[in-house]
């Protein structure tokens, strides 16, 4: 029984009524219901005959819920990139199909592409459902041809993109609207390339890419980056406009068609992190997450100015065609590591990266700091030929001396788990400055490898965590600094401790 479904505009409980020969959920407020009805799909039906001839009546096949109506309104407003969903039970897949149906029936010669990552996923969800639903409005779906043609010339095409080579299958056609279901299963390149085919010549219509998804997955990082955090690298995407990307969160509370009480009970049986992802739609907690210790509200902190005499370390994950990242860390007196800075680079020669590290360091630490070591992948010491030099030698020749870290993956991840865990005082051993956006975005997006559960999936963006792994393997395990007994008040020890504290403060000014 639905007991928690509320209107997202006025917060009133939705009510179940019979409207146009259909049982639907609506907001009791007339103004809210009017917004829902704007996007209803209504068809004419013959209701037999009487003495005056055939009797006609209208039947509602689809009345969007209030939260779905918000998404419909965004489509009509021409928002280029719409993300709908988040928690489980928000009816995102159903929304995407009926969005396609309503536009295809309303606009002649309208072309829609609806995608899932793999064909089995596509077949079990959208194609099977379309076979049943198309009959309701007098059309026929053709599963073997992956399409649903409409009598007015419109067409809904079903597609998948399991491998990168499959991108080309969708580049020869222009689409008025492109729909991605379970967006976090797609690589960013797939999304961008296919989305580029959203073009139209129809007057008054702006091409739309509407997407549905739950949190998690090996490619969730770029989705969070575009829709949740709005913090893309402007050097890589100079034309990115946050106003073009709208996220509409939907949860179980928005969908009264589910038995919410029963569904809620099933969610309560899940581990805490899964409940948070599926029930609340949290993007930092999801099934298969590798670093379950990570909590942004705990790990991300601005500790202010750290004195220059505090020991500093760097860690580097090399990348030319994939992003590389260098991090700067302060070893705090209480045993913690604090990531103060990061530099993400791509497409640069080793010499340019080494020079960039020194340039950024001079800009960030104008008073100067001493870097005790720079942990890096041991493969950077491999020479390409007998006469050539290794990347490590190139870095050294340009003023950045590297230290070969241990490359063991599972052991390294275990060490990183230790650093991400809480110290005895409840504060994590590893803290990250809020400006280290790439690291903050990358850590929670990592997922377990399906075959090797102790390792993480390498399909996702793992460059920042590789950098952290090299650092963890080059440092001792986290250990709290032993706490000395506190001397009694007004004792000689207390007076000495106070004098030392004041002297320390004078030295940092």
Protein backbone atom coordinates (compact mmCIF):
# COMPACT_ATOMS: atom_id res chain seq x y z
CA UNK A 1 0.00 0.00 0.00
CA UNK A 2 1.36 3.42 -0.98
CA UNK A 3 1.54 5.57 2.11
CA UNK A 4 4.45 7.93 1.50
CA UNK A 5 4.03 9.16 -2.10
CA UNK A 6 3.96 12.93 -1.94
CA UNK A 7 3.57 15.68 -4.50
CA UNK A 8 6.95 17.29 -5.14
CA UNK A 9 5.30 20.73 -5.50
CA UNK A 10 2.88 21.02 -2.58
CA UNK A 11 3.95 18.00 -0.45
CA UNK A 12 0.37 16.64 -0.27
CA UNK A 13 -0.13 12.88 -0.37
CA UNK A 14 -1.03 11.64 -3.84
CA UNK A 15 -4.47 10.08 -4.22
CA UNK A 16 -5.67 7.23 -6.41
CA UNK A 17 -8.64 8.08 -8.63
CA UNK A 18 -10.37 6.88 -11.78
CA UNK A 19 -9.76 9.45 -14.50
CA UNK A 20 -10.67 8.94 -18.16
CA UNK A 21 -11.38 5.29 -17.64
CA UNK A 22 -8.04 4.63 -15.93
CA UNK A 23 -6.86 4.21 -12.36
CA UNK A 24 -4.19 6.86 -11.80
CA UNK A 25 -2.35 8.64 -9.02
CA UNK A 26 -2.73 12.41 -8.94
CA UNK A 27 -2.12 15.33 -6.65
CA UNK A 28 -5.38 16.50 -5.04
CA UNK A 29 -4.42 20.15 -5.67
CA UNK A 30 -6.08 21.28 -8.94
CA UNK A 31 -3.07 23.31 -10.06
CA UNK A 32 -0.69 20.39 -9.56
CA UNK A 33 -3.02 17.96 -11.30
CA UNK A 34 -3.30 20.36 -14.24
CA UNK A 35 0.46 20.19 -14.66
CA UNK A 36 0.32 16.38 -14.65
CA UNK A 37 -2.54 16.28 -17.15
CA UNK A 38 -0.61 18.45 -19.59
CA UNK A 39 1.58 15.47 -20.45
CA UNK A 40 -1.03 12.69 -20.19
CA UNK A 41 -1.30 10.25 -23.08
CA UNK A 42 -5.00 9.89 -23.93
CA UNK A 43 -6.47 7.83 -26.77
CA UNK A 44 -9.99 7.40 -28.13
CA UNK A 45 -11.79 4.12 -27.64
CA UNK A 46 -14.99 2.63 -29.09
CA UNK A 47 -17.40 1.65 -26.30
CA UNK A 48 -19.91 -0.40 -28.28
CA UNK A 49 -23.07 1.07 -29.84
CA UNK A 50 -26.36 2.51 -28.67
CA UNK A 51 -29.49 3.82 -30.43
CA UNK A 52 -27.56 6.86 -31.64
CA UNK A 53 -24.72 4.83 -33.17
CA UNK A 54 -21.21 4.07 -32.01
CA UNK A 55 -20.14 5.42 -28.66
CA UNK A 56 -16.68 6.96 -28.27
CA UNK A 57 -14.78 7.62 -25.07
CA UNK A 58 -11.31 8.74 -24.13
CA UNK A 59 -8.96 6.57 -22.10
CA UNK A 60 -5.83 7.68 -20.26
CA UNK A 61 -2.90 5.37 -20.89
CA UNK A 62 -0.30 7.41 -19.06
CA UNK A 63 -0.47 10.17 -16.47
CA UNK A 64 3.01 11.20 -15.31
CA UNK A 65 3.62 11.45 -11.61
CA UNK A 66 4.56 14.94 -10.34
CA UNK A 67 8.31 14.22 -10.35
CA UNK A 68 8.03 12.73 -13.86
CA UNK A 69 6.08 15.83 -14.88
CA UNK A 70 9.05 17.95 -13.84
CA UNK A 71 11.16 15.93 -16.28
CA UNK A 72 8.57 16.37 -19.05
CA UNK A 73 8.58 20.12 -18.43
CA UNK A 74 12.38 20.15 -18.68
CA UNK A 75 12.16 18.39 -22.04
CA UNK A 76 9.66 20.97 -23.31
CA UNK A 77 11.90 23.77 -22.01
CA UNK A 78 14.72 22.46 -24.18
CA UNK A 79 17.15 21.47 -21.41
CA UNK A 80 19.85 19.69 -23.38
CA UNK A 81 20.93 17.05 -20.85
CA UNK A 82 18.46 15.69 -18.30
CA UNK A 83 19.26 13.06 -15.67
CA UNK A 84 16.26 11.47 -13.94
CA UNK A 85 16.41 8.94 -11.11
CA UNK A 86 18.84 8.22 -8.34
CA UNK A 87 17.17 5.87 -5.88
CA UNK A 88 15.56 2.54 -6.72
CA UNK A 89 11.83 2.54 -7.34
CA UNK A 90 11.66 5.96 -8.99
CA UNK A 91 10.16 4.51 -12.21
CA UNK A 92 12.90 5.89 -14.44
CA UNK A 93 12.77 3.22 -17.18
CA UNK A 94 8.99 3.51 -17.43
CA UNK A 95 9.31 7.29 -17.69
CA UNK A 96 11.84 7.09 -20.53
CA UNK A 97 9.66 4.79 -22.64
CA UNK A 98 6.50 6.83 -22.19
CA UNK A 99 8.37 10.03 -22.85
CA UNK A 100 9.33 8.48 -26.19
CA UNK A 101 5.75 7.35 -26.89
CA UNK A 102 4.21 10.75 -26.14
CA UNK A 103 6.63 12.64 -28.39
CA UNK A 104 6.40 10.13 -31.24
CA UNK A 105 2.59 10.28 -31.21
CA UNK A 106 2.48 14.07 -30.92
CA UNK A 107 5.08 15.00 -33.56
CA UNK A 108 5.01 13.37 -37.04
CA UNK A 109 8.29 11.96 -38.35
CA UNK A 110 9.87 12.20 -34.89
CA UNK A 111 12.91 9.93 -34.31
CA UNK A 112 13.94 8.65 -30.88
CA UNK A 113 16.87 6.41 -29.92
CA UNK A 114 16.56 4.50 -26.61
CA UNK A 115 19.72 2.76 -25.39
CA UNK A 116 20.90 0.26 -22.81
CA UNK A 117 24.54 -0.82 -22.52
CA UNK A 118 23.96 -4.44 -23.60
CA UNK A 119 21.37 -6.13 -25.78
CA UNK A 120 20.18 -8.61 -23.09
CA UNK A 121 19.44 -5.64 -20.80
CA UNK A 122 17.65 -3.86 -23.64
CA UNK A 123 15.58 -6.92 -24.54
CA UNK A 124 14.52 -7.77 -20.98
CA UNK A 125 13.42 -4.23 -20.17
CA UNK A 126 12.37 -1.92 -22.97
CA UNK A 127 11.74 -4.23 -25.95
CA UNK A 128 9.52 -6.68 -24.07
CA UNK A 129 7.61 -3.84 -22.42
CA UNK A 130 7.19 -2.00 -25.74
CA UNK A 131 5.64 -5.10 -27.32
CA UNK A 132 2.82 -4.96 -24.75
CA UNK A 133 2.48 -1.20 -24.47
CA UNK A 134 2.41 -0.43 -28.21
CA UNK A 135 -0.86 -2.31 -28.61
CA UNK A 136 -2.53 0.10 -26.19
CA UNK A 137 -2.18 3.00 -28.60
CA UNK A 138 -2.69 0.99 -31.79
CA UNK A 139 0.88 0.42 -32.92
CA UNK A 140 3.06 -2.66 -33.25
CA UNK A 141 6.61 -3.14 -32.01
CA UNK A 142 9.07 -5.17 -34.11
CA UNK A 143 11.56 -6.75 -31.69
CA UNK A 144 13.61 -8.46 -34.40
CA UNK A 145 14.19 -5.08 -36.06
CA UNK A 146 14.71 -3.24 -32.76
CA UNK A 147 12.14 -0.58 -33.56
CA UNK A 148 8.63 0.65 -32.93
CA UNK A 149 7.27 2.52 -35.96
CA UNK A 150 4.27 4.85 -35.66
CA UNK A 151 1.59 5.43 -38.28
CA UNK A 152 2.43 9.15 -38.42
CA UNK A 153 5.98 8.43 -39.60
CA UNK A 154 7.65 8.65 -36.19
CA UNK A 155 9.88 5.84 -34.97
CA UNK A 156 11.37 4.64 -31.69
CA UNK A 157 14.68 2.83 -32.24
CA UNK A 158 16.18 0.50 -29.62
CA UNK A 159 19.96 0.31 -29.41
CA UNK A 160 22.89 -0.85 -27.30
CA UNK A 161 26.59 0.01 -27.06
CA UNK A 162 28.42 -2.82 -25.36
CA UNK A 163 31.82 -2.08 -26.94
CA UNK A 164 33.36 1.15 -28.17
CA UNK A 165 33.16 -0.11 -31.73
CA UNK A 166 29.37 -0.15 -31.37
CA UNK A 167 29.36 3.65 -31.21
CA UNK A 168 29.57 3.79 -35.01
CA UNK A 169 26.24 1.94 -35.30
CA UNK A 170 24.48 5.07 -34.06
CA UNK A 171 26.41 7.79 -35.89
CA UNK A 172 24.77 7.54 -39.32
CA UNK A 173 21.36 8.82 -38.20
CA UNK A 174 20.16 12.08 -36.70
CA UNK A 175 17.80 11.79 -33.76
CA UNK A 176 15.32 14.31 -32.40
CA UNK A 177 15.75 12.80 -28.93
CA UNK A 178 18.22 10.31 -27.44
CA UNK A 179 17.46 8.38 -24.25
CA UNK A 180 20.08 6.55 -22.15
CA UNK A 181 18.84 4.08 -19.52
CA UNK A 182 21.22 3.17 -16.67
CA UNK A 183 23.62 5.90 -17.74
CA UNK A 184 26.33 4.89 -15.24
CA UNK A 185 26.96 1.73 -17.29
CA UNK A 186 28.07 3.81 -20.31
CA UNK A 187 31.55 5.22 -20.79
CA UNK A 188 31.75 8.97 -21.18
CA UNK A 189 33.06 8.71 -24.74
CA UNK A 190 30.06 6.58 -25.71
CA UNK A 191 27.66 9.13 -24.28
CA UNK A 192 29.35 12.11 -25.90
CA UNK A 193 29.75 10.54 -29.34
CA UNK A 194 26.18 9.21 -29.54
CA UNK A 195 24.76 12.41 -28.03
CA UNK A 196 26.36 14.39 -30.84
CA UNK A 197 23.75 12.88 -33.18
CA UNK A 198 20.88 14.64 -31.39
CA UNK A 199 19.99 17.09 -34.15
CA UNK A 200 16.75 18.22 -35.70
CA UNK A 201 15.24 20.34 -38.45
CA UNK A 202 11.83 20.48 -36.79
CA UNK A 203 10.61 23.99 -36.11
CA UNK A 204 10.08 24.69 -32.41
CA UNK A 205 11.86 21.57 -31.17
CA UNK A 206 15.26 21.51 -29.45
CA UNK A 207 17.13 18.17 -29.38
CA UNK A 208 17.18 16.55 -25.93
CA UNK A 209 19.26 13.84 -24.27
CA UNK A 210 17.27 12.40 -21.36
CA UNK A 211 18.86 9.78 -19.12
CA UNK A 212 17.83 7.54 -16.26
CA UNK A 213 20.06 5.77 -13.77
CA UNK A 214 20.69 4.54 -10.24
CA UNK A 215 23.92 5.44 -8.38
CA UNK A 216 27.05 3.34 -8.71
CA UNK A 217 28.79 1.48 -11.49
CA UNK A 218 32.31 1.65 -12.93
CA UNK A 219 31.51 4.81 -14.89
CA UNK A 220 29.57 6.78 -12.31
CA UNK A 221 32.42 9.25 -11.82
CA UNK A 222 31.81 11.20 -15.02
CA UNK A 223 28.04 11.24 -14.39
CA UNK A 224 28.56 12.76 -10.94
CA UNK A 225 31.02 15.19 -12.45
CA UNK A 226 28.52 16.48 -15.04
CA UNK A 227 25.18 16.43 -13.22
CA UNK A 228 25.78 16.31 -9.47
CA UNK A 229 28.97 18.28 -8.74
CA UNK A 230 29.16 20.37 -11.95
CA UNK A 231 32.95 20.42 -11.75
CA UNK A 232 34.24 19.37 -15.18
CA UNK A 233 37.77 20.19 -16.21
CA UNK A 234 37.18 23.34 -18.26
CA UNK A 235 40.44 22.83 -20.11
CA UNK A 236 39.08 19.56 -21.51
CA UNK A 237 35.46 20.73 -21.86
CA UNK A 238 35.65 24.51 -22.35
CA UNK A 239 32.04 24.71 -23.60
CA UNK A 240 30.50 22.88 -20.65
CA UNK A 241 27.54 24.80 -19.24
CA UNK A 242 26.07 23.62 -15.91
CA UNK A 243 22.73 25.20 -16.87
CA UNK A 244 22.40 22.65 -19.68
CA UNK A 245 22.61 19.74 -17.22
CA UNK A 246 19.58 19.15 -14.99
CA UNK A 247 19.44 16.43 -12.35
CA UNK A 248 15.95 15.45 -11.18
CA UNK A 249 16.26 13.10 -8.18
CA UNK A 250 13.49 10.53 -7.86
CA UNK A 251 13.00 8.14 -4.96
CA UNK A 252 10.58 5.50 -3.79
CA UNK A 253 8.51 8.26 -2.16
CA UNK A 254 7.71 9.64 -5.61
CA UNK A 255 6.22 6.41 -6.97
CA UNK A 256 2.91 5.23 -5.47
CA UNK A 257 2.44 2.49 -8.06
CA UNK A 258 4.87 0.33 -6.09
CA UNK A 259 3.82 -1.34 -2.89
CA UNK A 260 5.98 0.99 -0.86
CA UNK A 261 5.57 -0.79 2.45
CA UNK A 262 6.68 -4.11 0.98
CA UNK A 263 9.45 -2.48 -1.07
CA UNK A 264 10.65 -0.60 1.99
CA UNK A 265 10.90 -3.87 3.92
CA UNK A 266 12.99 -5.42 1.14
CA UNK A 267 15.36 -2.44 1.20
CA UNK A 268 15.74 -2.73 4.97
CA UNK A 269 17.17 -6.22 4.48
CA UNK A 270 20.11 -4.78 2.55
CA UNK A 271 23.45 -3.78 4.11
CA UNK A 272 23.51 -0.16 5.30
CA UNK A 273 25.49 1.17 2.33
CA UNK A 274 23.09 -0.43 -0.15
CA UNK A 275 20.09 0.94 1.69
CA UNK A 276 21.57 4.43 1.44
CA UNK A 277 22.12 4.09 -2.31
CA UNK A 278 18.82 2.43 -3.22
CA UNK A 279 16.54 4.18 -0.74
CA UNK A 280 18.08 7.65 -0.56
CA UNK A 281 19.76 7.83 -3.96
CA UNK A 282 23.17 8.70 -2.49
CA UNK A 283 25.88 8.90 -5.12
CA UNK A 284 28.76 8.28 -2.72
CA UNK A 285 27.41 4.87 -1.57
CA UNK A 286 26.36 2.08 -3.93
CA UNK A 287 26.47 -1.71 -4.50
CA UNK A 288 29.93 -3.11 -5.17
CA UNK A 289 31.66 0.03 -3.93
CA UNK A 290 35.30 -0.75 -3.22
CA UNK A 291 36.21 1.92 -0.68
CA UNK A 292 33.26 1.73 1.69
CA UNK A 293 35.19 3.71 4.31
CA UNK A 294 34.96 6.90 2.26
CA UNK A 295 32.58 9.58 3.48
CA UNK A 296 32.95 13.00 1.92
CA UNK A 297 31.64 14.71 5.03
CA UNK A 298 34.43 13.08 7.08
CA UNK A 299 37.41 12.86 4.73
CA UNK A 300 37.19 16.26 3.04
CA UNK A 301 38.46 19.05 5.30
CA UNK A 302 40.23 22.38 5.01
CA UNK A 303 42.87 22.39 7.75
CA UNK A 304 44.07 25.86 6.87
CA UNK A 305 47.74 26.76 6.56
CA UNK A 306 50.16 23.93 7.32
CA UNK A 307 53.63 25.25 8.36
CA UNK A 308 56.37 24.81 5.77
CA UNK A 309 58.55 22.74 8.14
CA UNK A 310 55.95 19.92 8.21
CA UNK A 311 57.23 17.01 6.08
CA UNK A 312 55.78 16.86 2.55
CA UNK A 313 55.52 13.97 0.12
CA UNK A 314 54.33 13.62 -3.45
CA UNK A 315 52.78 10.70 -5.31
CA UNK A 316 52.41 10.32 -9.08
CA UNK A 317 50.33 8.20 -11.43
CA UNK A 318 51.60 8.64 -14.98
CA UNK A 319 49.22 9.12 -17.88
CA UNK A 320 49.51 10.39 -21.43
CA UNK A 321 46.39 9.18 -23.22
CA UNK A 322 44.56 8.72 -19.93
CA UNK A 323 44.64 11.33 -17.18
CA UNK A 324 47.68 11.33 -14.93
CA UNK A 325 47.66 12.88 -11.47
CA UNK A 326 50.22 14.19 -9.00
CA UNK A 327 49.31 14.77 -5.35
CA UNK A 328 51.02 16.77 -2.59
CA UNK A 329 50.71 15.48 0.97
CA UNK A 330 51.60 16.79 4.42
CA UNK A 331 52.58 14.26 7.12
CA UNK A 332 50.86 15.71 10.18
CA UNK A 333 52.30 15.32 13.69
CA UNK A 334 49.31 13.23 14.81
CA UNK A 335 50.14 10.52 12.23
CA UNK A 336 47.65 11.59 9.58
CA UNK A 337 48.30 12.31 5.92
CA UNK A 338 46.68 15.40 4.45
CA UNK A 339 46.37 15.78 0.68
CA UNK A 340 46.77 19.50 0.13
CA UNK A 341 46.99 19.72 -3.66
CA UNK A 342 46.53 17.78 -6.89
CA UNK A 343 47.44 18.38 -10.51
CA UNK A 344 45.65 16.39 -13.24
CA UNK A 345 47.38 16.28 -16.63
CA UNK A 346 46.92 14.54 -19.98
CA UNK A 347 48.65 14.47 -23.36
CA UNK A 348 52.00 15.81 -22.06
CA UNK A 349 55.54 14.51 -22.49
CA UNK A 350 57.32 13.31 -19.32
CA UNK A 351 59.61 16.35 -19.35
CA UNK A 352 56.61 18.69 -19.51
CA UNK A 353 54.94 16.89 -16.62
CA UNK A 354 58.07 17.17 -14.47
CA UNK A 355 58.34 20.87 -15.28
CA UNK A 356 54.63 21.32 -14.55
CA UNK A 357 55.00 19.69 -11.14
CA UNK A 358 57.72 22.16 -10.17
CA UNK A 359 55.79 25.13 -11.56
CA UNK A 360 52.60 24.26 -9.70
CA UNK A 361 54.57 23.59 -6.52
CA UNK A 362 56.21 27.00 -6.70
CA UNK A 363 52.81 28.62 -7.19
CA UNK A 364 51.15 26.71 -4.33
CA UNK A 365 54.08 26.94 -1.89
CA UNK A 366 55.72 30.33 -2.56
CA UNK A 367 57.54 30.16 0.79
CA UNK A 368 59.07 26.85 -0.30
CA UNK A 369 58.71 23.31 1.08
CA UNK A 370 60.93 20.26 1.19
CA UNK A 371 59.58 17.22 -0.65
CA UNK A 372 61.04 14.12 0.98
CA UNK A 373 60.04 11.71 -1.81
CA UNK A 374 57.74 11.26 -4.82
CA UNK A 375 56.24 7.76 -4.97
CA UNK A 376 55.57 6.46 -8.49
CA UNK A 377 54.80 3.34 -10.52
CA UNK A 378 57.90 1.07 -10.83
CA UNK A 379 57.18 0.71 -14.56
CA UNK A 380 58.43 4.28 -15.01
CA UNK A 381 61.98 2.89 -14.60
CA UNK A 382 61.64 0.62 -17.67
CA UNK A 383 63.72 1.70 -20.62
CA UNK A 384 62.17 1.51 -24.09
CA UNK A 385 65.57 0.67 -25.63
CA UNK A 386 69.17 0.10 -24.54
CA UNK A 387 70.16 3.59 -25.63
CA UNK A 388 67.06 5.41 -24.41
CA UNK A 389 66.28 6.69 -20.94
CA UNK A 390 63.40 5.70 -18.72
CA UNK A 391 60.65 8.11 -17.77
CA UNK A 392 62.08 8.18 -14.23
CA UNK A 393 65.39 9.36 -15.68
CA UNK A 394 63.58 12.02 -17.72
CA UNK A 395 61.82 13.26 -14.60
CA UNK A 396 65.12 13.36 -12.67
CA UNK A 397 66.83 15.27 -15.50
CA UNK A 398 64.05 17.86 -15.19
CA UNK A 399 64.36 18.24 -11.42
CA UNK A 400 61.81 15.70 -10.10
CA UNK A 401 63.37 12.65 -8.45
CA UNK A 402 60.99 9.70 -8.21
CA UNK A 403 60.92 6.81 -5.75
CA UNK A 404 59.77 3.43 -7.06
CA UNK A 405 56.79 2.28 -5.03
CA UNK A 406 55.55 -1.30 -4.68
CA UNK A 407 53.17 -2.20 -7.52
CA UNK A 408 51.22 -4.92 -5.67
CA UNK A 409 47.59 -4.06 -6.27
CA UNK A 410 45.68 -6.00 -3.62
CA UNK A 411 48.26 -5.32 -0.92
CA UNK A 412 48.26 -1.68 -1.96
CA UNK A 413 44.48 -1.43 -1.78
CA UNK A 414 44.55 -2.95 1.69
CA UNK A 415 47.03 -0.30 2.78
CA UNK A 416 44.80 2.40 1.29
CA UNK A 417 41.82 0.92 3.16
CA UNK A 418 43.83 1.44 6.36
CA UNK A 419 44.50 5.07 5.54
CA UNK A 420 40.85 5.75 4.71
CA UNK A 421 39.70 4.17 7.98
CA UNK A 422 39.05 6.18 11.12
CA UNK A 423 41.76 6.78 13.68
CA UNK A 424 40.89 6.08 17.36
CA UNK A 425 39.50 9.60 17.71
CA UNK A 426 36.98 9.00 14.88
CA UNK A 427 38.74 11.20 12.31
CA UNK A 428 40.13 9.37 9.22
CA UNK A 429 43.85 8.85 8.85
CA UNK A 430 43.77 10.35 5.35
CA UNK A 431 42.21 13.78 4.88
CA UNK A 432 41.72 15.61 1.58
CA UNK A 433 41.50 19.33 0.89
CA UNK A 434 38.22 20.45 -0.78
CA UNK A 435 40.16 21.73 -3.81
CA UNK A 436 41.32 18.20 -4.72
CA UNK A 437 38.17 17.65 -6.77
CA UNK A 438 39.54 14.85 -8.95
CA UNK A 439 40.57 12.75 -5.95
CA UNK A 440 37.33 13.45 -4.12
CA UNK A 441 35.32 12.40 -7.15
CA UNK A 442 37.39 9.30 -7.93
CA UNK A 443 37.66 7.51 -4.57
CA UNK A 444 33.93 6.82 -3.99
CA UNK A 445 33.33 5.78 -7.62
CA UNK A 446 35.57 2.68 -7.50
CA UNK A 447 33.85 -0.73 -7.76
CA UNK A 448 34.96 -4.29 -7.13
CA UNK A 449 36.16 -6.42 -10.02
CA UNK A 450 33.48 -8.99 -10.86
CA UNK A 451 35.97 -11.87 -11.02
CA UNK A 452 38.60 -10.77 -8.49
CA UNK A 453 36.69 -9.26 -5.60
CA UNK A 454 39.86 -8.28 -3.72
CA UNK A 455 40.85 -6.04 -6.64
CA UNK A 456 38.96 -3.13 -8.13
CA UNK A 457 37.52 -2.79 -11.62
CA UNK A 458 40.03 -1.13 -13.94
CA UNK A 459 37.40 -0.04 -16.50
CA UNK A 460 36.60 3.06 -14.49
CA UNK A 461 38.64 6.18 -13.76
CA UNK A 462 41.14 4.87 -11.23
CA UNK A 463 44.11 7.21 -11.70
CA UNK A 464 43.76 9.14 -8.43
CA UNK A 465 43.44 5.94 -6.38
CA UNK A 466 46.49 4.48 -8.14
CA UNK A 467 48.38 7.61 -7.07
CA UNK A 468 47.18 7.09 -3.49
CA UNK A 469 48.16 3.41 -3.64
CA UNK A 470 51.73 4.28 -4.61
CA UNK A 471 51.88 6.69 -1.68
CA UNK A 472 50.42 4.14 0.77
CA UNK A 473 52.94 1.50 -0.29
CA UNK A 474 55.81 3.96 0.13
CA UNK A 475 54.80 4.99 3.66
CA UNK A 476 54.48 3.12 6.95
CA UNK A 477 51.00 2.03 7.97
CA UNK A 478 49.08 4.75 9.83
CA UNK A 479 49.97 4.89 13.50
CA UNK A 480 48.80 7.33 16.11
CA UNK A 481 51.47 9.37 17.84
CA UNK A 482 51.67 8.16 21.49
CA UNK A 483 49.95 10.58 23.81
CA UNK A 484 51.99 11.69 26.82
CA UNK A 485 50.23 11.81 30.21
CA UNK A 486 48.77 15.22 30.97
CA UNK A 487 50.55 16.75 34.01
CA UNK A 488 48.39 17.96 36.91
CA UNK A 489 47.31 21.62 36.77
CA UNK A 490 49.81 24.16 38.19
CA UNK A 491 52.53 21.52 38.41
CA UNK A 492 56.03 22.02 37.06
CA UNK A 493 55.21 19.77 34.11
CA UNK A 494 52.12 21.81 33.31
CA UNK A 495 54.09 25.08 33.39
CA UNK A 496 56.78 23.59 31.12
CA UNK A 497 54.15 22.30 28.65
CA UNK A 498 52.56 25.76 28.52
CA UNK A 499 55.93 27.40 27.87
CA UNK A 500 56.66 24.94 25.04
CA UNK A 501 53.19 25.55 23.52
CA UNK A 502 53.74 29.32 23.51
CA UNK A 503 57.19 28.91 21.98
CA UNK A 504 55.72 26.68 19.27
CA UNK A 505 53.09 29.29 18.42
CA UNK A 506 55.75 31.99 18.17
CA UNK A 507 57.69 29.82 15.73
CA UNK A 508 54.77 29.51 13.32
CA UNK A 509 54.15 33.22 13.00
